[in-house]
Amino acid sequence: MTAGASPSLINECVYQSKPFGLLLIERAIIDRIVFSEQGTVALSWVDVSDFKQCHVSPDEAESLSDGDSFNFWSARMRSSSGQS
């Protein structure tokens, strides 16, 4: 650190970054979101062709379902619909 290393930047690059293919999978999921019940329920999906096009295996994408990305989107949906 005395040589100028930034612990926060290192942490972000190592632990908070995602491969490009996973970002493409996230984009497909977000693009397909369908809302119902006055915006309180959201549904989306990924299919086999998405994995092939994005060069991502279903195992690699498994981390998306329990990661911060969807917690973030879920929180945004709740806040935009007036829920807490």
N, C-alpha and C. Protein backbone atom coordinates (compact mmCIF):
# COMPACT_ATOMS: atom_id res chain seq x y z
N MET A 1 0.82 -1.19 0.00
CA MET A 1 0.00 0.00 0.00
C MET A 1 0.86 1.25 0.00
N THR A 2 2.02 1.16 0.59
CA THR A 2 2.89 2.33 0.57
C THR A 2 3.38 2.62 -0.84
N ALA A 3 3.30 1.62 -1.73
CA ALA A 3 3.72 1.83 -3.11
C ALA A 3 2.57 2.37 -3.97
N GLY A 4 1.40 2.60 -3.36
CA GLY A 4 0.30 3.19 -4.09
C GLY A 4 -0.84 2.25 -4.44
N ALA A 5 -0.80 1.02 -3.94
CA ALA A 5 -1.89 0.08 -4.23
C ALA A 5 -3.17 0.55 -3.54
N SER A 6 -4.28 0.42 -4.24
CA SER A 6 -5.56 0.82 -3.70
C SER A 6 -6.35 -0.42 -3.29
N PRO A 7 -6.49 -0.68 -1.98
CA PRO A 7 -7.21 -1.87 -1.53
C PRO A 7 -8.64 -1.94 -2.07
N SER A 8 -9.32 -0.80 -2.14
CA SER A 8 -10.71 -0.82 -2.63
C SER A 8 -10.75 -1.17 -4.12
N LEU A 9 -9.82 -0.67 -4.91
CA LEU A 9 -9.78 -0.99 -6.33
C LEU A 9 -9.43 -2.46 -6.54
N ILE A 10 -8.50 -2.97 -5.77
CA ILE A 10 -8.13 -4.39 -5.87
C ILE A 10 -9.33 -5.25 -5.51
N ASN A 11 -10.02 -4.91 -4.44
CA ASN A 11 -11.20 -5.66 -4.02
C ASN A 11 -12.26 -5.65 -5.12
N GLU A 12 -12.50 -4.50 -5.71
CA GLU A 12 -13.50 -4.39 -6.77
C GLU A 12 -13.12 -5.25 -7.96
N CYS A 13 -11.87 -5.20 -8.39
CA CYS A 13 -11.44 -5.96 -9.56
C CYS A 13 -11.48 -7.47 -9.32
N VAL A 14 -11.16 -7.89 -8.11
CA VAL A 14 -11.09 -9.32 -7.82
C VAL A 14 -12.45 -9.89 -7.45
N TYR A 15 -13.19 -9.20 -6.59
CA TYR A 15 -14.41 -9.79 -6.04
C TYR A 15 -15.71 -9.22 -6.59
N GLN A 16 -15.69 -8.03 -7.16
CA GLN A 16 -16.92 -7.39 -7.59
C GLN A 16 -17.09 -7.37 -9.10
N SER A 17 -16.16 -7.91 -9.83
CA SER A 17 -16.26 -7.89 -11.29
C SER A 17 -16.86 -9.21 -11.79
N LYS A 18 -17.39 -9.17 -13.00
CA LYS A 18 -18.00 -10.35 -13.59
C LYS A 18 -17.47 -10.52 -15.01
N PRO A 19 -17.40 -11.75 -15.46
CA PRO A 19 -17.03 -11.97 -16.86
C PRO A 19 -18.08 -11.35 -17.79
N PHE A 20 -17.66 -10.93 -18.96
CA PHE A 20 -18.54 -10.27 -19.91
C PHE A 20 -19.77 -11.13 -20.25
N GLY A 21 -19.59 -12.42 -20.39
CA GLY A 21 -20.70 -13.32 -20.71
C GLY A 21 -21.80 -13.27 -19.66
N LEU A 22 -21.43 -13.16 -18.39
CA LEU A 22 -22.44 -13.06 -17.34
C LEU A 22 -23.20 -11.74 -17.43
N LEU A 23 -22.53 -10.69 -17.82
CA LEU A 23 -23.22 -9.42 -18.01
C LEU A 23 -24.24 -9.52 -19.15
N LEU A 24 -23.89 -10.26 -20.20
CA LEU A 24 -24.83 -10.46 -21.30
C LEU A 24 -26.04 -11.27 -20.85
N ILE A 25 -25.81 -12.27 -20.00
CA ILE A 25 -26.93 -13.05 -19.46
C ILE A 25 -27.83 -12.15 -18.61
N GLU A 26 -27.22 -11.31 -17.77
CA GLU A 26 -28.01 -10.37 -16.97
C GLU A 26 -28.85 -9.45 -17.86
N ARG A 27 -28.24 -8.99 -18.95
CA ARG A 27 -28.97 -8.11 -19.86
C ARG A 27 -30.18 -8.83 -20.45
N ALA A 28 -30.00 -10.09 -20.84
CA ALA A 28 -31.12 -10.86 -21.39
C ALA A 28 -32.23 -11.00 -20.35
N ILE A 29 -31.87 -11.25 -19.11
CA ILE A 29 -32.86 -11.39 -18.05
C ILE A 29 -33.61 -10.08 -17.84
N ILE A 30 -32.89 -8.99 -17.78
CA ILE A 30 -33.51 -7.68 -17.54
C ILE A 30 -34.39 -7.28 -18.73
N ASP A 31 -33.91 -7.55 -19.94
CA ASP A 31 -34.70 -7.21 -21.13
C ASP A 31 -36.03 -7.95 -21.18
N ARG A 32 -36.10 -9.12 -20.58
CA ARG A 32 -37.31 -9.95 -20.65
C ARG A 32 -38.24 -9.80 -19.46
N ILE A 33 -37.92 -8.95 -18.54
CA ILE A 33 -38.76 -8.83 -17.34
C ILE A 33 -40.19 -8.48 -17.74
N VAL A 34 -41.11 -9.23 -17.20
CA VAL A 34 -42.54 -9.00 -17.39
C VAL A 34 -43.13 -8.75 -16.01
N PHE A 35 -43.84 -7.65 -15.86
CA PHE A 35 -44.44 -7.30 -14.57
C PHE A 35 -45.92 -7.67 -14.55
N SER A 36 -46.38 -8.09 -13.39
CA SER A 36 -47.80 -8.35 -13.21
C SER A 36 -48.19 -7.92 -11.80
N GLU A 37 -49.46 -8.08 -11.49
CA GLU A 37 -49.95 -7.70 -10.15
C GLU A 37 -49.57 -6.25 -9.82
N GLN A 38 -49.85 -5.33 -10.72
CA GLN A 38 -49.56 -3.91 -10.54
C GLN A 38 -48.07 -3.65 -10.23
N GLY A 39 -47.22 -4.43 -10.85
CA GLY A 39 -45.78 -4.22 -10.70
C GLY A 39 -45.16 -4.86 -9.47
N THR A 40 -45.91 -5.64 -8.73
CA THR A 40 -45.36 -6.25 -7.52
C THR A 40 -44.72 -7.60 -7.77
N VAL A 41 -44.97 -8.19 -8.94
CA VAL A 41 -44.39 -9.47 -9.31
C VAL A 41 -43.66 -9.30 -10.63
N ALA A 42 -42.44 -9.79 -10.68
CA ALA A 42 -41.66 -9.73 -11.91
C ALA A 42 -41.24 -11.14 -12.29
N LEU A 43 -41.27 -11.42 -13.58
CA LEU A 43 -40.89 -12.72 -14.09
C LEU A 43 -39.92 -12.52 -15.25
N SER A 44 -38.88 -13.33 -15.27
CA SER A 44 -37.96 -13.32 -16.39
C SER A 44 -37.38 -14.71 -16.54
N TRP A 45 -36.58 -14.92 -17.57
CA TRP A 45 -36.04 -16.24 -17.83
C TRP A 45 -34.80 -16.15 -18.68
N VAL A 46 -34.09 -17.27 -18.72
CA VAL A 46 -32.94 -17.47 -19.59
C VAL A 46 -33.14 -18.83 -20.22
N ASP A 47 -32.81 -18.96 -21.49
CA ASP A 47 -32.93 -20.28 -22.10
C ASP A 47 -31.58 -20.77 -22.61
N VAL A 48 -31.57 -21.98 -23.09
CA VAL A 48 -30.33 -22.62 -23.52
C VAL A 48 -29.60 -21.80 -24.57
N SER A 49 -30.33 -21.21 -25.49
CA SER A 49 -29.68 -20.43 -26.55
C SER A 49 -28.93 -19.22 -25.98
N ASP A 50 -29.45 -18.64 -24.87
CA ASP A 50 -28.74 -17.52 -24.23
C ASP A 50 -27.37 -17.96 -23.74
N PHE A 51 -27.33 -19.12 -23.10
CA PHE A 51 -26.05 -19.62 -22.60
C PHE A 51 -25.08 -19.84 -23.75
N LYS A 52 -25.56 -20.40 -24.83
CA LYS A 52 -24.69 -20.66 -25.98
C LYS A 52 -24.20 -19.36 -26.60
N GLN A 53 -25.10 -18.40 -26.79
CA GLN A 53 -24.73 -17.12 -27.41
C GLN A 53 -23.75 -16.33 -26.55
N CYS A 54 -23.89 -16.44 -25.25
CA CYS A 54 -23.04 -15.66 -24.33
C CYS A 54 -21.79 -16.43 -23.89
N HIS A 55 -21.67 -17.67 -24.35
CA HIS A 55 -20.53 -18.52 -23.98
C HIS A 55 -20.40 -18.66 -22.46
N VAL A 56 -21.53 -18.93 -21.84
CA VAL A 56 -21.60 -19.10 -20.38
C VAL A 56 -22.31 -20.41 -20.11
N SER A 57 -21.82 -21.14 -19.12
CA SER A 57 -22.50 -22.37 -18.74
C SER A 57 -23.56 -22.06 -17.69
N PRO A 58 -24.58 -22.89 -17.60
CA PRO A 58 -25.58 -22.68 -16.54
C PRO A 58 -24.94 -22.68 -15.15
N ASP A 59 -23.90 -23.46 -14.96
CA ASP A 59 -23.22 -23.47 -13.66
C ASP A 59 -22.60 -22.12 -13.34
N GLU A 60 -22.00 -21.48 -14.34
CA GLU A 60 -21.41 -20.15 -14.13
C GLU A 60 -22.49 -19.12 -13.78
N ALA A 61 -23.64 -19.23 -14.41
CA ALA A 61 -24.72 -18.27 -14.20
C ALA A 61 -25.47 -18.50 -12.90
N GLU A 62 -25.25 -19.64 -12.27
CA GLU A 62 -25.91 -19.95 -11.00
C GLU A 62 -25.66 -18.85 -9.97
N SER A 63 -24.49 -18.26 -10.01
CA SER A 63 -24.14 -17.22 -9.03
C SER A 63 -25.04 -15.99 -9.16
N LEU A 64 -25.66 -15.79 -10.30
CA LEU A 64 -26.51 -14.62 -10.49
C LEU A 64 -27.76 -14.67 -9.61
N SER A 65 -28.29 -15.85 -9.39
CA SER A 65 -29.55 -15.96 -8.66
C SER A 65 -29.42 -15.61 -7.19
N ASP A 66 -28.23 -15.75 -6.64
CA ASP A 66 -28.07 -15.42 -5.22
C ASP A 66 -27.11 -14.26 -5.02
N GLY A 67 -26.86 -13.51 -6.07
CA GLY A 67 -25.92 -12.40 -5.98
C GLY A 67 -26.60 -11.07 -5.74
N ASP A 68 -25.79 -10.06 -5.64
CA ASP A 68 -26.28 -8.71 -5.37
C ASP A 68 -27.07 -8.14 -6.54
N SER A 69 -26.83 -8.60 -7.75
CA SER A 69 -27.51 -8.03 -8.91
C SER A 69 -29.01 -8.09 -8.78
N PHE A 70 -29.53 -9.27 -8.46
CA PHE A 70 -30.97 -9.41 -8.42
C PHE A 70 -31.55 -8.87 -7.14
N ASN A 71 -30.77 -8.86 -6.08
CA ASN A 71 -31.23 -8.18 -4.87
C ASN A 71 -31.38 -6.69 -5.17
N PHE A 72 -30.46 -6.14 -5.94
CA PHE A 72 -30.51 -4.74 -6.32
C PHE A 72 -31.77 -4.45 -7.14
N TRP A 73 -32.02 -5.28 -8.16
CA TRP A 73 -33.19 -5.06 -9.00
C TRP A 73 -34.47 -5.24 -8.23
N SER A 74 -34.49 -6.21 -7.34
CA SER A 74 -35.67 -6.44 -6.52
C SER A 74 -35.93 -5.22 -5.63
N ALA A 75 -34.90 -4.68 -5.04
CA ALA A 75 -35.05 -3.50 -4.18
C ALA A 75 -35.52 -2.30 -5.00
N ARG A 76 -35.00 -2.14 -6.20
CA ARG A 76 -35.44 -1.02 -7.05
C ARG A 76 -36.90 -1.15 -7.43
N MET A 77 -37.33 -2.38 -7.72
CA MET A 77 -38.73 -2.58 -8.08
C MET A 77 -39.62 -2.25 -6.90
N ARG A 78 -39.24 -2.68 -5.70
CA ARG A 78 -40.06 -2.41 -4.52
C ARG A 78 -40.12 -0.91 -4.26
N SER A 79 -38.98 -0.22 -4.38
CA SER A 79 -38.97 1.21 -4.09
C SER A 79 -39.73 1.99 -5.14
N SER A 80 -39.69 1.57 -6.40
CA SER A 80 -40.40 2.30 -7.45
C SER A 80 -41.91 2.06 -7.38
N SER A 81 -42.32 0.97 -6.72
CA SER A 81 -43.75 0.71 -6.61
C SER A 81 -44.30 1.22 -5.27
N GLY A 82 -43.45 1.89 -4.49
CA GLY A 82 -43.90 2.47 -3.23
C GLY A 82 -43.84 1.51 -2.05
N GLN A 83 -43.30 0.30 -2.27
CA GLN A 83 -43.18 -0.65 -1.18
C GLN A 83 -41.84 -0.46 -0.49
N SER A 84 -41.73 -0.94 0.72
CA SER A 84 -40.44 -0.85 1.41
C SER A 84 -39.82 -2.20 1.58
